[in-house]
Amino acid sequence: MHNLKDIYFTDMPAEFVESIDPDKGQDYSIIKHVPLVFIRH
């Protein structure tokens, strides 16, 4: 999965979105290698 160029998240819980926030998310390190991350609520 380290070759991902983009990833899309749709209708995810707020807790998940907060967890991948670049500034304060505890799980951001999991997706930080992905150049484009799209989140739609």
PDB file of N, CA and C in Angstrom:
ATOM      1  N   MET A   1       0.802  -1.196   0.000  1.00  0.00           N
ATOM      2  CA  MET A   1       0.000   0.000   0.000  1.00  0.00           C
ATOM      3  C   MET A   1       0.847   1.262   0.000  1.00  0.00           C
ATOM      4  N   HIS A   2       2.124   1.121  -0.007  1.00  0.00           N
ATOM      5  CA  HIS A   2       2.976   2.312  -0.003  1.00  0.00           C
ATOM      6  C   HIS A   2       3.060   2.971  -1.368  1.00  0.00           C
ATOM      7  N   ASN A   3       2.458   2.372  -2.384  1.00  0.00           N
ATOM      8  CA  ASN A   3       2.464   2.967  -3.718  1.00  0.00           C
ATOM      9  C   ASN A   3       1.179   3.716  -4.043  1.00  0.00           C
ATOM     10  N   LEU A   4       0.319   3.903  -3.071  1.00  0.00           N
ATOM     11  CA  LEU A   4      -0.935   4.621  -3.308  1.00  0.00           C
ATOM     12  C   LEU A   4      -0.657   6.046  -3.763  1.00  0.00           C
ATOM     13  N   LYS A   5      -1.390   6.487  -4.765  1.00  0.00           N
ATOM     14  CA  LYS A   5      -1.257   7.857  -5.252  1.00  0.00           C
ATOM     15  C   LYS A   5      -2.373   8.738  -4.712  1.00  0.00           C
ATOM     16  N   ASP A   6      -3.515   8.138  -4.437  1.00  0.00           N
ATOM     17  CA  ASP A   6      -4.612   8.873  -3.811  1.00  0.00           C
ATOM     18  C   ASP A   6      -5.532   7.895  -3.100  1.00  0.00           C
ATOM     19  N   ILE A   7      -6.310   8.447  -2.198  1.00  0.00           N
ATOM     20  CA  ILE A   7      -7.263   7.642  -1.444  1.00  0.00           C
ATOM     21  C   ILE A   7      -8.483   8.513  -1.156  1.00  0.00           C
ATOM     22  N   TYR A   8      -9.650   7.901  -1.232  1.00  0.00           N
ATOM     23  CA  TYR A   8     -10.918   8.603  -1.033  1.00  0.00           C
ATOM     24  C   TYR A   8     -11.648   8.005   0.165  1.00  0.00           C
ATOM     25  N   PHE A   9     -12.105   8.862   1.053  1.00  0.00           N
ATOM     26  CA  PHE A   9     -12.931   8.445   2.179  1.00  0.00           C
ATOM     27  C   PHE A   9     -14.268   9.156   2.053  1.00  0.00           C
ATOM     28  N   THR A  10     -15.359   8.416   2.157  1.00  0.00           N
ATOM     29  CA  THR A  10     -16.703   8.978   2.050  1.00  0.00           C
ATOM     30  C   THR A  10     -17.541   8.528   3.238  1.00  0.00           C
ATOM     31  N   ASP A  11     -18.258   9.472   3.810  1.00  0.00           N
ATOM     32  CA  ASP A  11     -19.182   9.189   4.916  1.00  0.00           C
ATOM     33  C   ASP A  11     -18.510   8.475   6.085  1.00  0.00           C
ATOM     34  N   MET A  12     -17.335   8.946   6.435  1.00  0.00           N
ATOM     35  CA  MET A  12     -16.611   8.359   7.562  1.00  0.00           C
ATOM     36  C   MET A  12     -17.007   9.074   8.850  1.00  0.00           C
ATOM     37  N   PRO A  13     -16.957   8.380   9.986  1.00  0.00           N
ATOM     38  CA  PRO A  13     -17.275   9.022  11.265  1.00  0.00           C
ATOM     39  C   PRO A  13     -16.297  10.164  11.570  1.00  0.00           C
ATOM     40  N   ALA A  14     -16.772  11.151  12.287  1.00  0.00           N
ATOM     41  CA  ALA A  14     -15.936  12.304  12.644  1.00  0.00           C
ATOM     42  C   ALA A  14     -14.683  11.870  13.398  1.00  0.00           C
ATOM     43  N   GLU A  15     -14.793  10.854  14.223  1.00  0.00           N
ATOM     44  CA  GLU A  15     -13.641  10.367  14.980  1.00  0.00           C
ATOM     45  C   GLU A  15     -12.537   9.880  14.048  1.00  0.00           C
ATOM     46  N   PHE A  16     -12.924   9.214  12.970  1.00  0.00           N
ATOM     47  CA  PHE A  16     -11.934   8.741  12.005  1.00  0.00           C
ATOM     48  C   PHE A  16     -11.264   9.911  11.304  1.00  0.00           C
ATOM     49  N   VAL A  17     -12.062  10.861  10.851  1.00  0.00           N
ATOM     50  CA  VAL A  17     -11.524  12.031  10.152  1.00  0.00           C
ATOM     51  C   VAL A  17     -10.546  12.775  11.059  1.00  0.00           C
ATOM     52  N   GLU A  18     -10.893  12.941  12.314  1.00  0.00           N
ATOM     53  CA  GLU A  18     -10.001  13.604  13.264  1.00  0.00           C
ATOM     54  C   GLU A  18      -8.723  12.805  13.478  1.00  0.00           C
ATOM     55  N   SER A  19      -8.813  11.495  13.442  1.00  0.00           N
ATOM     56  CA  SER A  19      -7.635  10.662  13.704  1.00  0.00           C
ATOM     57  C   SER A  19      -6.597  10.735  12.593  1.00  0.00           C
ATOM     58  N   ILE A  20      -7.004  11.141  11.378  1.00  0.00           N
ATOM     59  CA  ILE A  20      -6.035  11.245  10.285  1.00  0.00           C
ATOM     60  C   ILE A  20      -5.709  12.697   9.943  1.00  0.00           C
ATOM     61  N   ASP A  21      -6.121  13.614  10.805  1.00  0.00           N
ATOM     62  CA  ASP A  21      -5.811  15.031  10.625  1.00  0.00           C
ATOM     63  C   ASP A  21      -4.294  15.233  10.689  1.00  0.00           C
ATOM     64  N   PRO A  22      -3.701  15.950   9.715  1.00  0.00           N
ATOM     65  CA  PRO A  22      -2.247  16.138   9.702  1.00  0.00           C
ATOM     66  C   PRO A  22      -1.704  16.874  10.925  1.00  0.00           C
ATOM     67  N   ASP A  23      -2.503  17.731  11.532  1.00  0.00           N
ATOM     68  CA  ASP A  23      -2.015  18.532  12.655  1.00  0.00           C
ATOM     69  C   ASP A  23      -2.134  17.844  14.010  1.00  0.00           C
ATOM     70  N   LYS A  24      -3.168  17.036  14.185  1.00  0.00           N
ATOM     71  CA  LYS A  24      -3.391  16.473  15.520  1.00  0.00           C
ATOM     72  C   LYS A  24      -3.837  15.020  15.530  1.00  0.00           C
ATOM     73  N   GLY A  25      -3.886  14.387  14.391  1.00  0.00           N
ATOM     74  CA  GLY A  25      -4.388  13.019  14.327  1.00  0.00           C
ATOM     75  C   GLY A  25      -3.374  11.978  14.740  1.00  0.00           C
ATOM     76  N   GLN A  26      -3.789  11.084  15.634  1.00  0.00           N
ATOM     77  CA  GLN A  26      -2.882  10.047  16.110  1.00  0.00           C
ATOM     78  C   GLN A  26      -2.582   8.999  15.043  1.00  0.00           C
ATOM     79  N   ASP A  27      -3.432   8.895  14.001  1.00  0.00           N
ATOM     80  CA  ASP A  27      -3.225   7.898  12.955  1.00  0.00           C
ATOM     81  C   ASP A  27      -2.730   8.495  11.643  1.00  0.00           C
ATOM     82  N   TYR A  28      -2.390   9.768  11.651  1.00  0.00           N
ATOM     83  CA  TYR A  28      -1.943  10.421  10.418  1.00  0.00           C
ATOM     84  C   TYR A  28      -0.731   9.720   9.809  1.00  0.00           C
ATOM     85  N   SER A  29       0.149   9.198  10.630  1.00  0.00           N
ATOM     86  CA  SER A  29       1.361   8.553  10.117  1.00  0.00           C
ATOM     87  C   SER A  29       1.043   7.385   9.189  1.00  0.00           C
ATOM     88  N   ILE A  30      -0.139   6.801   9.331  1.00  0.00           N
ATOM     89  CA  ILE A  30      -0.529   5.666   8.496  1.00  0.00           C
ATOM     90  C   ILE A  30      -0.743   6.090   7.046  1.00  0.00           C
ATOM     91  N   ILE A  31      -1.219   7.320   6.826  1.00  0.00           N
ATOM     92  CA  ILE A  31      -1.535   7.762   5.464  1.00  0.00           C
ATOM     93  C   ILE A  31      -0.649   8.903   4.972  1.00  0.00           C
ATOM     94  N   LYS A  32       0.330   9.327   5.751  1.00  0.00           N
ATOM     95  CA  LYS A  32       1.104  10.509   5.374  1.00  0.00           C
ATOM     96  C   LYS A  32       1.895  10.326   4.078  1.00  0.00           C
ATOM     97  N   HIS A  33       2.137   9.110   3.652  1.00  0.00           N
ATOM     98  CA  HIS A  33       2.874   8.863   2.413  1.00  0.00           C
ATOM     99  C   HIS A  33       1.992   9.002   1.163  1.00  0.00           C
ATOM    100  N   VAL A  34       0.676   9.101   1.347  1.00  0.00           N
ATOM    101  CA  VAL A  34      -0.257   9.207   0.219  1.00  0.00           C
ATOM    102  C   VAL A  34      -0.340  10.675  -0.200  1.00  0.00           C
ATOM    103  N   PRO A  35       0.022  11.001  -1.457  1.00  0.00           N
ATOM    104  CA  PRO A  35       0.054  12.403  -1.887  1.00  0.00           C
ATOM    105  C   PRO A  35      -1.300  13.113  -1.846  1.00  0.00           C
ATOM    106  N   LEU A  36      -2.386  12.421  -2.210  1.00  0.00           N
ATOM    107  CA  LEU A  36      -3.712  13.041  -2.235  1.00  0.00           C
ATOM    108  C   LEU A  36      -4.680  12.231  -1.384  1.00  0.00           C
ATOM    109  N   VAL A  37      -5.255  12.888  -0.399  1.00  0.00           N
ATOM    110  CA  VAL A  37      -6.252  12.254   0.458  1.00  0.00           C
ATOM    111  C   VAL A  37      -7.521  13.091   0.364  1.00  0.00           C
ATOM    112  N   PHE A  38      -8.600  12.480  -0.099  1.00  0.00           N
ATOM    113  CA  PHE A  38      -9.882  13.160  -0.244  1.00  0.00           C
ATOM    114  C   PHE A  38     -10.834  12.647   0.825  1.00  0.00           C
ATOM    115  N   ILE A  39     -11.481  13.578   1.513  1.00  0.00           N
ATOM    116  CA  ILE A  39     -12.450  13.216   2.540  1.00  0.00           C
ATOM    117  C   ILE A  39     -13.738  13.964   2.238  1.00  0.00           C
ATOM    118  N   ARG A  40     -14.815  13.219   2.076  1.00  0.00           N
ATOM    119  CA  ARG A  40     -16.123  13.824   1.822  1.00  0.00           C
ATOM    120  C   ARG A  40     -17.083  13.385   2.912  1.00  0.00           C
ATOM    121  N   HIS A  41     -17.742  14.355   3.528  1.00  0.00           N
ATOM    122  CA  HIS A  41     -18.691  14.065   4.617  1.00  0.00           C
ATOM    123  C   HIS A  41     -20.062  13.881   4.059  1.00  0.00           C
TER     124      HIS A  41
END
